Amino acid sequence: MTHVEITYCVPCGYLDRALDTERAILQSFGQSLDRVTLATGDHGVFRVTIDDEPIWDLSEDEHDVDEIVRRVRAEL
C-alpha cells in the first residue's frame, strides 16, 4: 500500500491548505492508500511525497490541489 505525506509550514499558516489537499487526496483515492499523513514544518515548506519520494513542492510549483491529485494518481 501507499503512504502519502503532506509536509506544511506551521508559521506560514499552511494548515488549511494541507487539510484541503489531504481531503482531496482521500476523496479521490480513499482505500487505495495505506495512509495520508500531515507533518509539520517551517521555512515555507509545502511538499507532498509518496513513499518518501517527492511528487510536488511549493518551492517549484504553484499550489494547485487538482495538479497534486493528478500527480498522486500518476504514481498509483
Protein backbone atom coordinates (compact mmCIF):
# COMPACT_ATOMS: atom_id res chain seq x y z
CA MET A 1 0.00 0.00 0.00
CA THR A 2 0.97 3.61 -0.47
CA HIS A 3 1.80 6.32 2.06
CA VAL A 4 1.20 9.96 1.14
CA GLU A 5 2.73 12.61 3.39
CA ILE A 6 1.96 16.32 3.25
CA THR A 7 4.57 18.46 4.98
CA TYR A 8 3.41 22.01 5.63
CA CYS A 9 4.79 25.20 7.19
CA VAL A 10 3.08 25.91 10.53
CA PRO A 11 4.31 29.52 10.96
CA CYS A 12 3.16 30.29 7.39
CA GLY A 13 -0.41 29.27 8.19
CA TYR A 14 -0.50 26.43 5.66
CA LEU A 15 -2.65 24.12 7.82
CA ASP A 16 -5.86 24.87 5.87
CA ARG A 17 -4.03 24.28 2.59
CA ALA A 18 -2.69 20.97 3.92
CA LEU A 19 -6.15 19.88 5.11
CA ASP A 20 -7.73 20.77 1.75
CA THR A 21 -5.04 18.77 -0.04
CA GLU A 22 -5.45 15.81 2.32
CA ARG A 23 -9.24 15.86 1.85
CA ALA A 24 -8.95 15.94 -1.96
CA ILE A 25 -6.50 13.03 -1.97
CA LEU A 26 -8.66 10.94 0.37
CA GLN A 27 -11.84 11.69 -1.58
CA SER A 28 -10.13 10.72 -4.83
CA PHE A 29 -8.29 7.60 -3.73
CA GLY A 30 -9.74 6.51 -0.36
CA GLN A 31 -8.88 2.91 0.36
CA SER A 32 -6.32 2.71 -2.44
CA LEU A 33 -3.92 4.36 0.01
CA ASP A 34 -2.49 2.89 3.16
CA ARG A 35 -2.35 6.28 4.85
CA VAL A 36 -2.27 10.01 4.30
CA THR A 37 -0.43 11.96 6.99
CA LEU A 38 0.35 15.56 7.81
CA ALA A 39 3.82 16.54 9.01
CA THR A 40 4.64 19.94 10.45
CA GLY A 41 7.49 22.03 9.10
CA ASP A 42 8.69 25.60 8.75
CA HIS A 43 10.65 27.88 6.39
CA GLY A 44 7.80 27.97 3.84
CA VAL A 45 7.70 24.23 3.18
CA PHE A 46 4.71 22.65 1.49
CA ARG A 47 5.66 19.31 -0.01
CA VAL A 48 3.80 16.14 -0.95
CA THR A 49 5.60 12.80 -1.03
CA ILE A 50 4.55 9.28 -1.88
CA ASP A 51 6.53 6.59 -0.10
CA ASP A 52 9.19 9.22 0.69
CA GLU A 53 9.56 10.27 -2.98
CA PRO A 54 8.66 13.93 -3.64
CA ILE A 55 5.89 14.44 -6.20
CA TRP A 56 5.06 18.11 -5.56
CA ASP A 57 6.84 21.03 -3.86
CA LEU A 58 5.64 24.61 -3.41
CA SER A 59 9.18 25.87 -4.00
CA GLU A 60 8.92 24.53 -7.58
CA ASP A 61 5.21 24.64 -8.38
CA GLU A 62 2.21 26.89 -7.82
CA HIS A 63 -0.28 25.50 -5.29
CA ASP A 64 -2.93 23.59 -7.23
CA VAL A 65 -4.85 20.83 -5.46
CA ASP A 66 -6.05 19.35 -8.77
CA GLU A 67 -2.47 19.07 -10.03
CA ILE A 68 -1.39 17.40 -6.79
CA VAL A 69 -4.23 14.86 -7.15
CA ARG A 70 -3.17 14.21 -10.78
CA ARG A 71 0.40 13.57 -9.66
CA VAL A 72 -0.75 11.20 -6.93
CA ARG A 73 -2.90 9.34 -9.49
CA ALA A 74 0.11 9.02 -11.82
CA GLU A 75 2.09 7.32 -9.05
CA LEU A 76 -0.60 4.79 -8.10
